[in-house]
Amino acid sequence: MKTAIDGLGRVVVPKVLREQLGLHARRALEITLRDGALIIEPLPTQVTLVRRGHRLVAQPHKPLPSLKSDLVRDVLEGTRR
């Protein structure tokens, strides 16, 4: 997909890619330079490990959207290719 950089240095990420990556307005991103390419990655979700019974469970600091079966299926299919 093609996009452009505007006069303020902003890059528009096409909607289809934002949807696939779960990116939304004000989502924190990490931008790095690797082998001559810009790598843009969402920052990991901050979690705290909480003991529940005999197990440790990751509890996010902010509420996360619920997973939908379509998204889970798409991610699984993407890893099988």
Protein backbone atom coordinates (compact mmCIF):
# COMPACT_ATOMS: atom_id res chain seq x y z
CA MET A 1 0.00 0.00 0.00
CA LYS A 2 1.17 3.49 -0.77
CA THR A 3 0.91 6.50 1.49
CA ALA A 4 2.73 9.80 1.88
CA ILE A 5 4.31 12.02 4.49
CA ASP A 6 2.61 15.40 4.94
CA GLY A 7 4.30 18.75 5.56
CA LEU A 8 4.35 18.12 9.32
CA GLY A 9 6.05 14.73 8.96
CA ARG A 10 2.90 12.68 9.61
CA VAL A 11 2.28 9.37 7.89
CA VAL A 12 -1.26 8.15 7.27
CA VAL A 13 -1.62 4.44 8.04
CA PRO A 14 -4.33 3.04 5.74
CA LYS A 15 -7.55 2.07 7.52
CA VAL A 16 -7.33 -1.60 6.54
CA LEU A 17 -3.91 -1.86 8.24
CA ARG A 18 -5.07 0.05 11.33
CA GLU A 19 -8.00 -2.34 11.68
CA GLN A 20 -5.81 -5.43 11.24
CA LEU A 21 -3.37 -4.17 13.90
CA GLY A 22 -5.97 -2.82 16.30
CA LEU A 23 -4.54 0.70 16.07
CA HIS A 24 -6.69 3.63 17.12
CA ALA A 25 -6.33 7.34 17.84
CA ARG A 26 -3.90 8.14 20.66
CA ARG A 27 -2.49 4.58 20.74
CA ALA A 28 1.15 4.74 21.85
CA LEU A 29 3.59 3.48 19.21
CA GLU A 30 7.30 2.71 19.09
CA ILE A 31 9.12 3.76 15.90
CA THR A 32 12.58 2.37 15.23
CA LEU A 33 14.98 2.20 12.32
CA ARG A 34 16.07 -1.33 11.40
CA ASP A 35 18.06 -2.28 8.31
CA GLY A 36 17.02 0.89 6.48
CA ALA A 37 13.30 0.46 7.22
CA LEU A 38 11.00 2.20 9.70
CA ILE A 39 9.40 -0.28 12.07
CA ILE A 40 6.20 0.93 13.74
CA GLU A 41 4.89 -1.21 16.59
CA PRO A 42 2.20 -0.68 19.22
CA LEU A 43 3.67 -0.44 22.73
CA PRO A 44 2.88 -3.50 24.81
CA THR A 45 -0.07 -3.31 27.17
CA GLN A 46 1.03 -2.54 30.74
CA VAL A 47 0.05 -5.42 33.06
CA THR A 48 0.50 -6.45 36.66
CA LEU A 49 0.77 -10.09 37.68
CA VAL A 50 -1.93 -10.96 40.21
CA ARG A 51 -2.16 -14.26 42.07
CA ARG A 52 -5.49 -16.05 41.62
CA GLY A 53 -5.46 -19.26 43.58
CA HIS A 54 -2.29 -21.11 42.56
CA ARG A 55 -1.84 -19.17 39.32
CA LEU A 56 -0.44 -15.79 38.30
CA VAL A 57 -2.73 -13.88 35.95
CA ALA A 58 -1.78 -10.79 33.90
CA GLN A 59 -4.16 -7.96 34.77
CA PRO A 60 -4.02 -4.98 32.35
CA HIS A 61 -3.73 -1.46 33.78
CA LYS A 62 -6.42 -0.24 31.35
CA PRO A 63 -9.52 -2.08 30.12
CA LEU A 64 -8.97 -3.99 26.88
CA PRO A 65 -11.55 -4.59 24.14
CA SER A 66 -13.09 -8.04 24.18
CA LEU A 67 -11.82 -10.52 21.62
CA LYS A 68 -14.18 -11.43 18.83
CA SER A 69 -14.09 -14.84 17.19
CA ASP A 70 -13.47 -13.29 13.74
CA LEU A 71 -10.31 -11.58 14.98
CA VAL A 72 -9.02 -14.74 16.67
CA ARG A 73 -9.68 -16.77 13.51
CA ASP A 74 -7.91 -14.18 11.30
CA VAL A 75 -4.85 -14.14 13.58
CA LEU A 76 -4.68 -17.93 13.64
CA GLU A 77 -4.99 -18.12 9.85
CA GLY A 78 -2.29 -15.47 9.48
CA THR A 79 0.16 -17.51 11.56
CA ARG A 80 -0.46 -20.64 9.47
CA ARG A 81 0.56 -19.05 6.17
